[in-house]
Every structure is written in C-alpha cells, then in structure tokens.
Amino acid sequence: MIKFLQGLFKKNYEDCEGTDFKSRLLNDKHAVLLDVRSAAEFKSGTIKGSKNSNMMSPSFSTEIGKLDPAKTYFVFCRSGARSGMAAKMMSKVGLKVINLRGGIAAWPK
C-alpha cells in the first residue's frame, strides 16, 4: 500500500534552474522546447525556437499523446506552475520532460 501511495506522488520529471535548463537544452540533440502558455502569451514573447502547446487547452492531453517518446521535452510557462503540471502529465505518458523552474523569467539572457 505504501509503494502504491508513493507511486501516486512520485515526480517523474526534472525541475531545472535557468542556466542548467538552457545548457541541457542546447546540448541535447533530441530536445524540443515547448512553451505551454496560451497562444496570446506565446505571441507576446517566447524563447526563440519554442513551439506552443497550451496546457490549459482541452486538446493538450491528445497532443502530448502524439509526441515522439525518443525526444526530450523542455517545458516552460510564465512562472513554472503550469509547466510543472504539464511536465507531470507528459511524464505519465512516458515522455522525458524537464521543467524550467521559475518560468520564462528564469531563462538566462
């Protein structure tokens, strides 16, 4: 029973600080940078090279089910909260995910 409960709360993704996140992204040939904010937030400014997939959209779970499990997904949002939720959802379907702790403001200039 304890193992079952631990499994419910186990975190299957990584949180990284900005500098480490950027370094790992740039050094991973299978990396995909994913901005999980709304389309409007994405249009107002994002990290160069990112793709947008709104984690609050009803189609988000369908979208992540179509992602390539051979890739590493580097996810971010405004503060790190939504991307943390997205990372949890994505890791549950077997994807390798790294979350930018602190959100887009933590991205090194």
PDB file of N, CA and C in Angstrom:
ATOM      1  N   MET A   1       0.821  -1.201   0.000  1.00  0.00           N
ATOM      2  CA  MET A   1       0.000   0.000   0.000  1.00  0.00           C
ATOM      3  C   MET A   1       0.862   1.260   0.000  1.00  0.00           C
ATOM      4  N   ILE A   2       1.949   1.258   0.774  1.00  0.00           N
ATOM      5  CA  ILE A   2       2.821   2.425   0.836  1.00  0.00           C
ATOM      6  C   ILE A   2       3.464   2.678  -0.527  1.00  0.00           C
ATOM      7  N   LYS A   3       3.929   1.610  -1.196  1.00  0.00           N
ATOM      8  CA  LYS A   3       4.525   1.774  -2.529  1.00  0.00           C
ATOM      9  C   LYS A   3       3.512   2.356  -3.505  1.00  0.00           C
ATOM     10  N   PHE A   4       2.274   1.898  -3.415  1.00  0.00           N
ATOM     11  CA  PHE A   4       1.217   2.418  -4.283  1.00  0.00           C
ATOM     12  C   PHE A   4       1.047   3.920  -4.055  1.00  0.00           C
ATOM     13  N   LEU A   5       0.979   4.341  -2.802  1.00  0.00           N
ATOM     14  CA  LEU A   5       0.806   5.757  -2.485  1.00  0.00           C
ATOM     15  C   LEU A   5       2.013   6.574  -2.923  1.00  0.00           C
ATOM     16  N   GLN A   6       3.214   6.022  -2.748  1.00  0.00           N
ATOM     17  CA  GLN A   6       4.414   6.729  -3.197  1.00  0.00           C
ATOM     18  C   GLN A   6       4.381   6.911  -4.711  1.00  0.00           C
ATOM     19  N   GLY A   7       3.896   5.902  -5.422  1.00  0.00           N
ATOM     20  CA  GLY A   7       3.798   5.978  -6.871  1.00  0.00           C
ATOM     21  C   GLY A   7       2.854   7.073  -7.330  1.00  0.00           C
ATOM     22  N   LEU A   8       1.809   7.322  -6.559  1.00  0.00           N
ATOM     23  CA  LEU A   8       0.865   8.381  -6.905  1.00  0.00           C
ATOM     24  C   LEU A   8       1.504   9.760  -6.846  1.00  0.00           C
ATOM     25  N   PHE A   9       2.454   9.935  -5.947  1.00  0.00           N
ATOM     26  CA  PHE A   9       3.053  11.239  -5.727  1.00  0.00           C
ATOM     27  C   PHE A   9       4.460  11.367  -6.277  1.00  0.00           C
ATOM     28  N   LYS A  10       4.978  10.298  -6.879  1.00  0.00           N
ATOM     29  CA  LYS A  10       6.327  10.317  -7.425  1.00  0.00           C
ATOM     30  C   LYS A  10       6.414  11.301  -8.589  1.00  0.00           C
ATOM     31  N   LYS A  11       7.472  12.065  -8.577  1.00  0.00           N
ATOM     32  CA  LYS A  11       7.714  13.037  -9.635  1.00  0.00           C
ATOM     33  C   LYS A  11       8.604  12.380 -10.681  1.00  0.00           C
ATOM     34  N   ASN A  12       8.102  12.250 -11.896  1.00  0.00           N
ATOM     35  CA  ASN A  12       8.835  11.569 -12.964  1.00  0.00           C
ATOM     36  C   ASN A  12       9.406  12.535 -13.992  1.00  0.00           C
ATOM     37  N   TYR A  13       9.658  13.750 -13.581  1.00  0.00           N
ATOM     38  CA  TYR A  13      10.279  14.738 -14.453  1.00  0.00           C
ATOM     39  C   TYR A  13      11.257  15.536 -13.604  1.00  0.00           C
ATOM     40  N   GLU A  14      12.066  16.344 -14.269  1.00  0.00           N
ATOM     41  CA  GLU A  14      13.057  17.158 -13.554  1.00  0.00           C
ATOM     42  C   GLU A  14      12.675  18.631 -13.596  1.00  0.00           C
ATOM     43  N   ASP A  15      13.001  19.326 -12.525  1.00  0.00           N
ATOM     44  CA  ASP A  15      12.932  20.787 -12.492  1.00  0.00           C
ATOM     45  C   ASP A  15      14.363  21.285 -12.582  1.00  0.00           C
ATOM     46  N   CYS A  16      14.615  22.275 -13.439  1.00  0.00           N
ATOM     47  CA  CYS A  16      15.962  22.823 -13.571  1.00  0.00           C
ATOM     48  C   CYS A  16      15.932  24.336 -13.471  1.00  0.00           C
ATOM     49  N   GLU A  17      16.980  24.872 -12.885  1.00  0.00           N
ATOM     50  CA  GLU A  17      17.178  26.320 -12.855  1.00  0.00           C
ATOM     51  C   GLU A  17      17.533  26.784 -14.260  1.00  0.00           C
ATOM     52  N   GLY A  18      17.381  28.061 -14.533  1.00  0.00           N
ATOM     53  CA  GLY A  18      17.562  28.620 -15.860  1.00  0.00           C
ATOM     54  C   GLY A  18      18.848  28.262 -16.580  1.00  0.00           C
ATOM     55  N   THR A  19      19.983  28.463 -15.938  1.00  0.00           N
ATOM     56  CA  THR A  19      21.269  28.209 -16.589  1.00  0.00           C
ATOM     57  C   THR A  19      21.433  26.739 -16.942  1.00  0.00           C
ATOM     58  N   ASP A  20      21.083  25.862 -16.024  1.00  0.00           N
ATOM     59  CA  ASP A  20      21.179  24.418 -16.265  1.00  0.00           C
ATOM     60  C   ASP A  20      20.195  23.985 -17.352  1.00  0.00           C
ATOM     61  N   PHE A  21      18.982  24.513 -17.298  1.00  0.00           N
ATOM     62  CA  PHE A  21      17.955  24.217 -18.293  1.00  0.00           C
ATOM     63  C   PHE A  21      18.453  24.581 -19.695  1.00  0.00           C
ATOM     64  N   LYS A  22      18.980  25.794 -19.847  1.00  0.00           N
ATOM     65  CA  LYS A  22      19.457  26.262 -21.154  1.00  0.00           C
ATOM     66  C   LYS A  22      20.619  25.412 -21.640  1.00  0.00           C
ATOM     67  N   SER A  23      21.555  25.126 -20.768  1.00  0.00           N
ATOM     68  CA  SER A  23      22.712  24.313 -21.136  1.00  0.00           C
ATOM     69  C   SER A  23      22.300  22.924 -21.599  1.00  0.00           C
ATOM     70  N   ARG A  24      21.418  22.303 -20.851  1.00  0.00           N
ATOM     71  CA  ARG A  24      20.956  20.959 -21.213  1.00  0.00           C
ATOM     72  C   ARG A  24      20.167  20.983 -22.518  1.00  0.00           C
ATOM     73  N   LEU A  25      19.350  22.009 -22.710  1.00  0.00           N
ATOM     74  CA  LEU A  25      18.590  22.155 -23.953  1.00  0.00           C
ATOM     75  C   LEU A  25      19.535  22.246 -25.147  1.00  0.00           C
ATOM     76  N   LEU A  26      20.533  23.103 -25.042  1.00  0.00           N
ATOM     77  CA  LEU A  26      21.454  23.327 -26.154  1.00  0.00           C
ATOM     78  C   LEU A  26      22.340  22.118 -26.441  1.00  0.00           C
ATOM     79  N   ASN A  27      22.537  21.261 -25.454  1.00  0.00           N
ATOM     80  CA  ASN A  27      23.411  20.099 -25.614  1.00  0.00           C
ATOM     81  C   ASN A  27      22.667  18.799 -25.867  1.00  0.00           C
ATOM     82  N   ASP A  28      21.370  18.850 -26.019  1.00  0.00           N
ATOM     83  CA  ASP A  28      20.575  17.641 -26.250  1.00  0.00           C
ATOM     84  C   ASP A  28      20.089  17.652 -27.698  1.00  0.00           C
ATOM     85  N   LYS A  29      20.648  16.753 -28.513  1.00  0.00           N
ATOM     86  CA  LYS A  29      20.286  16.740 -29.934  1.00  0.00           C
ATOM     87  C   LYS A  29      18.855  16.270 -30.177  1.00  0.00           C
ATOM     88  N   HIS A  30      18.198  15.749 -29.141  1.00  0.00           N
ATOM     89  CA  HIS A  30      16.807  15.297 -29.267  1.00  0.00           C
ATOM     90  C   HIS A  30      15.846  16.227 -28.527  1.00  0.00           C
ATOM     91  N   ALA A  31      16.285  17.456 -28.273  1.00  0.00           N
ATOM     92  CA  ALA A  31      15.498  18.401 -27.477  1.00  0.00           C
ATOM     93  C   ALA A  31      14.381  19.065 -28.278  1.00  0.00           C
ATOM     94  N   VAL A  32      13.253  19.257 -27.590  1.00  0.00           N
ATOM     95  CA  VAL A  32      12.134  20.040 -28.112  1.00  0.00           C
ATOM     96  C   VAL A  32      11.776  21.047 -27.021  1.00  0.00           C
ATOM     97  N   LEU A  33      11.771  22.328 -27.364  1.00  0.00           N
ATOM     98  CA  LEU A  33      11.428  23.386 -26.421  1.00  0.00           C
ATOM     99  C   LEU A  33       9.951  23.693 -26.566  1.00  0.00           C
ATOM    100  N   LEU A  34       9.219  23.549 -25.474  1.00  0.00           N
ATOM    101  CA  LEU A  34       7.763  23.664 -25.519  1.00  0.00           C
ATOM    102  C   LEU A  34       7.260  24.725 -24.543  1.00  0.00           C
ATOM    103  N   ASP A  35       6.634  25.754 -25.095  1.00  0.00           N
ATOM    104  CA  ASP A  35       6.009  26.826 -24.324  1.00  0.00           C
ATOM    105  C   ASP A  35       4.555  26.403 -24.100  1.00  0.00           C
ATOM    106  N   VAL A  36       4.176  26.153 -22.859  1.00  0.00           N
ATOM    107  CA  VAL A  36       2.836  25.628 -22.573  1.00  0.00           C
ATOM    108  C   VAL A  36       1.844  26.713 -22.160  1.00  0.00           C
ATOM    109  N   ARG A  37       2.181  27.972 -22.429  1.00  0.00           N
ATOM    110  CA  ARG A  37       1.282  29.086 -22.139  1.00  0.00           C
ATOM    111  C   ARG A  37       0.232  29.203 -23.239  1.00  0.00           C
ATOM    112  N   SER A  38      -0.685  30.119 -23.075  1.00  0.00           N
ATOM    113  CA  SER A  38      -1.732  30.351 -24.081  1.00  0.00           C
ATOM    114  C   SER A  38      -1.116  30.916 -25.359  1.00  0.00           C
ATOM    115  N   ALA A  39      -1.878  30.843 -26.444  1.00  0.00           N
ATOM    116  CA  ALA A  39      -1.422  31.387 -27.728  1.00  0.00           C
ATOM    117  C   ALA A  39      -1.143  32.884 -27.615  1.00  0.00           C
ATOM    118  N   ALA A  40      -1.976  33.604 -26.867  1.00  0.00           N
ATOM    119  CA  ALA A  40      -1.766  35.048 -26.692  1.00  0.00           C
ATOM    120  C   ALA A  40      -0.460  35.323 -25.947  1.00  0.00           C
ATOM    121  N   GLU A  41      -0.183  34.558 -24.900  1.00  0.00           N
ATOM    122  CA  GLU A  41       1.075  34.731 -24.162  1.00  0.00           C
ATOM    123  C   GLU A  41       2.269  34.409 -25.063  1.00  0.00           C
ATOM    124  N   PHE A  42       2.131  33.345 -25.828  1.00  0.00           N
ATOM    125  CA  PHE A  42       3.188  32.924 -26.750  1.00  0.00           C
ATOM    126  C   PHE A  42       3.490  34.034 -27.750  1.00  0.00           C
ATOM    127  N   LYS A  43       2.443  34.640 -28.305  1.00  0.00           N
ATOM    128  CA  LYS A  43       2.610  35.711 -29.290  1.00  0.00           C
ATOM    129  C   LYS A  43       3.231  36.960 -28.683  1.00  0.00           C
ATOM    130  N   SER A  44       3.043  37.152 -27.377  1.00  0.00           N
ATOM    131  CA  SER A  44       3.587  38.353 -26.726  1.00  0.00           C
ATOM    132  C   SER A  44       5.086  38.242 -26.460  1.00  0.00           C
ATOM    133  N   GLY A  45       5.653  37.071 -26.667  1.00  0.00           N
ATOM    134  CA  GLY A  45       7.090  36.870 -26.482  1.00  0.00           C
ATOM    135  C   GLY A  45       7.375  35.506 -25.882  1.00  0.00           C
ATOM    136  N   THR A  46       8.342  34.836 -26.459  1.00  0.00           N
ATOM    137  CA  THR A  46       8.686  33.487 -26.018  1.00  0.00           C
ATOM    138  C   THR A  46      10.187  33.287 -26.137  1.00  0.00           C
ATOM    139  N   ILE A  47      10.656  32.108 -25.853  1.00  0.00           N
ATOM    140  CA  ILE A  47      12.066  31.762 -26.027  1.00  0.00           C
ATOM    141  C   ILE A  47      12.239  31.308 -27.475  1.00  0.00           C
ATOM    142  N   LYS A  48      13.236  31.862 -28.140  1.00  0.00           N
ATOM    143  CA  LYS A  48      13.473  31.552 -29.551  1.00  0.00           C
ATOM    144  C   LYS A  48      13.570  30.043 -29.775  1.00  0.00           C
ATOM    145  N   GLY A  49      12.829  29.574 -30.777  1.00  0.00           N
ATOM    146  CA  GLY A  49      12.861  28.167 -31.151  1.00  0.00           C
ATOM    147  C   GLY A  49      11.805  27.306 -30.477  1.00  0.00           C
ATOM    148  N   SER A  50      11.009  27.914 -29.602  1.00  0.00           N
ATOM    149  CA  SER A  50       9.998  27.124 -28.891  1.00  0.00           C
ATOM    150  C   SER A  50       8.754  26.904 -29.738  1.00  0.00           C
ATOM    151  N   LYS A  51       8.057  25.834 -29.431  1.00  0.00           N
ATOM    152  CA  LYS A  51       6.763  25.531 -30.034  1.00  0.00           C
ATOM    153  C   LYS A  51       5.716  25.792 -28.963  1.00  0.00           C
ATOM    154  N   ASN A  52       4.512  26.130 -29.383  1.00  0.00           N
ATOM    155  CA  ASN A  52       3.446  26.435 -28.428  1.00  0.00           C
ATOM    156  C   ASN A  52       2.436  25.310 -28.359  1.00  0.00           C
ATOM    157  N   SER A  53       2.114  24.910 -27.137  1.00  0.00           N
ATOM    158  CA  SER A  53       1.064  23.926 -26.879  1.00  0.00           C
ATOM    159  C   SER A  53       0.429  24.301 -25.546  1.00  0.00           C
ATOM    160  N   ASN A  54      -0.726  24.928 -25.600  1.00  0.00           N
ATOM    161  CA  ASN A  54      -1.404  25.446 -24.417  1.00  0.00           C
ATOM    162  C   ASN A  54      -1.847  24.308 -23.501  1.00  0.00           C
ATOM    163  N   MET A  55      -1.224  24.207 -22.346  1.00  0.00           N
ATOM    164  CA  MET A  55      -1.553  23.099 -21.439  1.00  0.00           C
ATOM    165  C   MET A  55      -2.942  23.222 -20.837  1.00  0.00           C
ATOM    166  N   MET A  56      -3.558  24.394 -20.928  1.00  0.00           N
ATOM    167  CA  MET A  56      -4.911  24.581 -20.411  1.00  0.00           C
ATOM    168  C   MET A  56      -5.980  24.217 -21.451  1.00  0.00           C
ATOM    169  N   SER A  57      -5.545  23.915 -22.653  1.00  0.00           N
ATOM    170  CA  SER A  57      -6.472  23.552 -23.730  1.00  0.00           C
ATOM    171  C   SER A  57      -7.008  22.134 -23.502  1.00  0.00           C
ATOM    172  N   PRO A  58      -8.285  21.905 -23.797  1.00  0.00           N
ATOM    173  CA  PRO A  58      -8.846  20.555 -23.663  1.00  0.00           C
ATOM    174  C   PRO A  58      -8.138  19.528 -24.547  1.00  0.00           C
ATOM    175  N   SER A  59      -7.462  19.989 -25.599  1.00  0.00           N
ATOM    176  CA  SER A  59      -6.790  19.055 -26.509  1.00  0.00           C
ATOM    177  C   SER A  59      -5.351  18.746 -26.094  1.00  0.00           C
ATOM    178  N   PHE A  60      -4.877  19.339 -24.983  1.00  0.00           N
ATOM    179  CA  PHE A  60      -3.483  19.145 -24.576  1.00  0.00           C
ATOM    180  C   PHE A  60      -3.149  17.666 -24.363  1.00  0.00           C
ATOM    181  N   SER A  61      -3.999  16.932 -23.685  1.00  0.00           N
ATOM    182  CA  SER A  61      -3.693  15.517 -23.430  1.00  0.00           C
ATOM    183  C   SER A  61      -3.631  14.718 -24.728  1.00  0.00           C
ATOM    184  N   THR A  62      -4.451  15.076 -25.700  1.00  0.00           N
ATOM    185  CA  THR A  62      -4.395  14.414 -27.010  1.00  0.00           C
ATOM    186  C   THR A  62      -3.090  14.770 -27.716  1.00  0.00           C
ATOM    187  N   GLU A  63      -2.702  16.041 -27.649  1.00  0.00           N
ATOM    188  CA  GLU A  63      -1.466  16.495 -28.286  1.00  0.00           C
ATOM    189  C   GLU A  63      -0.249  15.783 -27.718  1.00  0.00           C
ATOM    190  N   ILE A  64      -0.165  15.654 -26.395  1.00  0.00           N
ATOM    191  CA  ILE A  64       1.021  15.024 -25.819  1.00  0.00           C
ATOM    192  C   ILE A  64       1.068  13.530 -26.134  1.00  0.00           C
ATOM    193  N   GLY A  65      -0.077  12.939 -26.376  1.00  0.00           N
ATOM    194  CA  GLY A  65      -0.109  11.535 -26.757  1.00  0.00           C
ATOM    195  C   GLY A  65       0.492  11.276 -28.128  1.00  0.00           C
ATOM    196  N   LYS A  66       0.630  12.330 -28.929  1.00  0.00           N
ATOM    197  CA  LYS A  66       1.185  12.217 -30.281  1.00  0.00           C
ATOM    198  C   LYS A  66       2.667  12.576 -30.341  1.00  0.00           C
ATOM    199  N   LEU A  67       3.245  12.991 -29.207  1.00  0.00           N
ATOM    200  CA  LEU A  67       4.648  13.413 -29.199  1.00  0.00           C
ATOM    201  C   LEU A  67       5.589  12.211 -29.273  1.00  0.00           C
ATOM    202  N   ASP A  68       6.760  12.453 -29.826  1.00  0.00           N
ATOM    203  CA  ASP A  68       7.780  11.418 -30.012  1.00  0.00           C
ATOM    204  C   ASP A  68       8.456  11.085 -28.675  1.00  0.00           C
ATOM    205  N   PRO A  69       8.338   9.856 -28.191  1.00  0.00           N
ATOM    206  CA  PRO A  69       8.951   9.496 -26.912  1.00  0.00           C
ATOM    207  C   PRO A  69      10.479   9.416 -26.966  1.00  0.00           C
ATOM    208  N   ALA A  70      11.058   9.499 -28.160  1.00  0.00           N
ATOM    209  CA  ALA A  70      12.516   9.481 -28.282  1.00  0.00           C
ATOM    210  C   ALA A  70      13.123  10.868 -28.026  1.00  0.00           C
ATOM    211  N   LYS A  71      12.279  11.882 -27.926  1.00  0.00           N
ATOM    212  CA  LYS A  71      12.736  13.260 -27.709  1.00  0.00           C
ATOM    213  C   LYS A  71      12.725  13.598 -26.219  1.00  0.00           C
ATOM    214  N   THR A  72      13.443  14.664 -25.882  1.00  0.00           N
ATOM    215  CA  THR A  72      13.410  15.227 -24.532  1.00  0.00           C
ATOM    216  C   THR A  72      12.675  16.553 -24.635  1.00  0.00           C
ATOM    217  N   TYR A  73      11.659  16.733 -23.807  1.00  0.00           N
ATOM    218  CA  TYR A  73      10.826  17.937 -23.866  1.00  0.00           C
ATOM    219  C   TYR A  73      11.203  18.893 -22.735  1.00  0.00           C
ATOM    220  N   PHE A  74      11.625  20.083 -23.125  1.00  0.00           N
ATOM    221  CA  PHE A  74      11.988  21.145 -22.201  1.00  0.00           C
ATOM    222  C   PHE A  74      10.802  22.095 -22.168  1.00  0.00           C
ATOM    223  N   VAL A  75      10.087  22.145 -21.046  1.00  0.00           N
ATOM    224  CA  VAL A  75       8.841  22.896 -20.977  1.00  0.00           C
ATOM    225  C   VAL A  75       8.966  24.115 -20.068  1.00  0.00           C
ATOM    226  N   PHE A  76       8.201  25.159 -20.425  1.00  0.00           N
ATOM    227  CA  PHE A  76       8.189  26.365 -19.596  1.00  0.00           C
ATOM    228  C   PHE A  76       6.865  27.092 -19.752  1.00  0.00           C
ATOM    229  N   CYS A  77       6.591  27.965 -18.795  1.00  0.00           N
ATOM    230  CA  CYS A  77       5.413  28.837 -18.826  1.00  0.00           C
ATOM    231  C   CYS A  77       5.829  30.177 -18.232  1.00  0.00           C
ATOM    232  N   ARG A  78       4.899  30.896 -17.674  1.00  0.00           N
ATOM    233  CA  ARG A  78       5.222  32.204 -17.083  1.00  0.00           C
ATOM    234  C   ARG A  78       5.965  32.061 -15.766  1.00  0.00           C
ATOM    235  N   SER A  79       5.474  31.180 -14.893  1.00  0.00           N
ATOM    236  CA  SER A  79       6.058  31.084 -13.549  1.00  0.00           C
ATOM    237  C   SER A  79       6.634  29.716 -13.205  1.00  0.00           C
ATOM    238  N   GLY A  80       6.327  28.717 -13.987  1.00  0.00           N
ATOM    239  CA  GLY A  80       6.769  27.353 -13.694  1.00  0.00           C
ATOM    240  C   GLY A  80       5.663  26.457 -13.167  1.00  0.00           C
ATOM    241  N   ALA A  81       4.507  27.043 -12.826  1.00  0.00           N
ATOM    242  CA  ALA A  81       3.400  26.259 -12.267  1.00  0.00           C
ATOM    243  C   ALA A  81       2.703  25.425 -13.344  1.00  0.00           C
ATOM    244  N   ARG A  82       2.267  26.084 -14.416  1.00  0.00           N
ATOM    245  CA  ARG A  82       1.588  25.345 -15.491  1.00  0.00           C
ATOM    246  C   ARG A  82       2.530  24.348 -16.147  1.00  0.00           C
ATOM    247  N   SER A  83       3.791  24.756 -16.346  1.00  0.00           N
ATOM    248  CA  SER A  83       4.733  23.831 -16.981  1.00  0.00           C
ATOM    249  C   SER A  83       5.028  22.650 -16.062  1.00  0.00           C
ATOM    250  N   GLY A  84       4.966  22.862 -14.748  1.00  0.00           N
ATOM    251  CA  GLY A  84       5.114  21.747 -13.813  1.00  0.00           C
ATOM    252  C   GLY A  84       3.958  20.764 -13.949  1.00  0.00           C
ATOM    253  N   MET A  85       2.742  21.296 -14.096  1.00  0.00           N
ATOM    254  CA  MET A  85       1.582  20.424 -14.305  1.00  0.00           C
ATOM    255  C   MET A  85       1.682  19.702 -15.647  1.00  0.00           C
ATOM    256  N   ALA A  86       2.122  20.438 -16.668  1.00  0.00           N
ATOM    257  CA  ALA A  86       2.286  19.831 -17.993  1.00  0.00           C
ATOM    258  C   ALA A  86       3.350  18.739 -17.945  1.00  0.00           C
ATOM    259  N   ALA A  87       4.454  19.007 -17.254  1.00  0.00           N
ATOM    260  CA  ALA A  87       5.537  18.024 -17.141  1.00  0.00           C
ATOM    261  C   ALA A  87       5.047  16.752 -16.461  1.00  0.00           C
ATOM    262  N   LYS A  88       4.239  16.917 -15.451  1.00  0.00           N
ATOM    263  CA  LYS A  88       3.677  15.758 -14.746  1.00  0.00           C
ATOM    264  C   LYS A  88       2.798  14.936 -15.687  1.00  0.00           C
ATOM    265  N   MET A  89       1.929  15.610 -16.438  1.00  0.00           N
ATOM    266  CA  MET A  89       1.058  14.919 -17.383  1.00  0.00           C
ATOM    267  C   MET A  89       1.879  14.211 -18.462  1.00  0.00           C
ATOM    268  N   MET A  90       2.879  14.897 -18.969  1.00  0.00           N
ATOM    269  CA  MET A  90       3.697  14.355 -20.047  1.00  0.00           C
ATOM    270  C   MET A  90       4.518  13.157 -19.572  1.00  0.00           C
ATOM    271  N   SER A  91       5.057  13.243 -18.374  1.00  0.00           N
ATOM    272  CA  SER A  91       5.861  12.128 -17.859  1.00  0.00           C
ATOM    273  C   SER A  91       4.994  10.897 -17.611  1.00  0.00           C
ATOM    274  N   LYS A  92       3.730  11.105 -17.279  1.00  0.00           N
ATOM    275  CA  LYS A  92       2.821   9.977 -17.047  1.00  0.00           C
ATOM    276  C   LYS A  92       2.545   9.178 -18.318  1.00  0.00           C
ATOM    277  N   VAL A  93       2.732   9.797 -19.482  1.00  0.00           N
ATOM    278  CA  VAL A  93       2.553   9.055 -20.734  1.00  0.00           C
ATOM    279  C   VAL A  93       3.897   8.577 -21.291  1.00  0.00           C
ATOM    280  N   GLY A  94       4.936   8.654 -20.457  1.00  0.00           N
ATOM    281  CA  GLY A  94       6.230   8.083 -20.819  1.00  0.00           C
ATOM    282  C   GLY A  94       7.211   9.016 -21.500  1.00  0.00           C
ATOM    283  N   LEU A  95       6.949  10.315 -21.480  1.00  0.00           N
ATOM    284  CA  LEU A  95       7.865  11.257 -22.113  1.00  0.00           C
ATOM    285  C   LEU A  95       8.926  11.727 -21.123  1.00  0.00           C
ATOM    286  N   LYS A  96      10.110  11.997 -21.635  1.00  0.00           N
ATOM    287  CA  LYS A  96      11.183  12.570 -20.813  1.00  0.00           C
ATOM    288  C   LYS A  96      10.994  14.082 -20.817  1.00  0.00           C
ATOM    289  N   VAL A  97      10.837  14.660 -19.619  1.00  0.00           N
ATOM    290  CA  VAL A  97      10.474  16.071 -19.518  1.00  0.00           C
ATOM    291  C   VAL A  97      11.355  16.794 -18.500  1.00  0.00           C
ATOM    292  N   ILE A  98      11.742  18.013 -18.863  1.00  0.00           N
ATOM    293  CA  ILE A  98      12.496  18.892 -17.970  1.00  0.00           C
ATOM    294  C   ILE A  98      11.750  20.221 -17.914  1.00  0.00           C
ATOM    295  N   ASN A  99      11.429  20.653 -16.703  1.00  0.00           N
ATOM    296  CA  ASN A  99      10.662  21.866 -16.464  1.00  0.00           C
ATOM    297  C   ASN A  99      11.582  23.019 -16.067  1.00  0.00           C
ATOM    298  N   LEU A 100      11.340  24.206 -16.639  1.00  0.00           N
ATOM    299  CA  LEU A 100      12.100  25.401 -16.277  1.00  0.00           C
ATOM    300  C   LEU A 100      11.529  25.977 -14.988  1.00  0.00           C
ATOM    301  N   ARG A 101      12.238  25.750 -13.879  1.00  0.00           N
ATOM    302  CA  ARG A 101      11.798  26.263 -12.585  1.00  0.00           C
ATOM    303  C   ARG A 101      11.865  27.789 -12.604  1.00  0.00           C
ATOM    304  N   GLY A 102      10.755  28.421 -12.251  1.00  0.00           N
ATOM    305  CA  GLY A 102      10.693  29.885 -12.237  1.00  0.00           C
ATOM    306  C   GLY A 102      10.138  30.478 -13.515  1.00  0.00           C
ATOM    307  N   GLY A 103       9.875  29.641 -14.498  1.00  0.00           N
ATOM    308  CA  GLY A 103       9.250  30.095 -15.734  1.00  0.00           C
ATOM    309  C   GLY A 103      10.169  30.892 -16.638  1.00  0.00           C
ATOM    310  N   ILE A 104       9.564  31.548 -17.612  1.00  0.00           N
ATOM    311  CA  ILE A 104      10.315  32.247 -18.663  1.00  0.00           C
ATOM    312  C   ILE A 104      11.251  33.323 -18.097  1.00  0.00           C
ATOM    313  N   ALA A 105      10.913  33.907 -16.955  1.00  0.00           N
ATOM    314  CA  ALA A 105      11.778  34.914 -16.338  1.00  0.00           C
ATOM    315  C   ALA A 105      13.095  34.319 -15.867  1.00  0.00           C
ATOM    316  N   ALA A 106      13.145  32.994 -15.666  1.00  0.00           N
ATOM    317  CA  ALA A 106      14.369  32.326 -15.219  1.00  0.00           C
ATOM    318  C   ALA A 106      15.305  32.003 -16.377  1.00  0.00           C
ATOM    319  N   TRP A 107      14.840  32.211 -17.622  1.00  0.00           N
ATOM    320  CA  TRP A 107      15.667  31.937 -18.800  1.00  0.00           C
ATOM    321  C   TRP A 107      16.824  32.941 -18.829  1.00  0.00           C
ATOM    322  N   PRO A 108      18.063  32.456 -18.879  1.00  0.00           N
ATOM    323  CA  PRO A 108      19.219  33.381 -18.885  1.00  0.00           C
ATOM    324  C   PRO A 108      19.276  34.213 -20.164  1.00  0.00           C
ATOM    325  N   LYS A 109      19.588  35.455 -20.010  1.00  0.00           N
ATOM    326  CA  LYS A 109      19.682  36.375 -21.173  1.00  0.00           C
ATOM    327  C   LYS A 109      20.990  36.170 -21.897  1.00  0.00           C
TER     328      LYS A 109
END
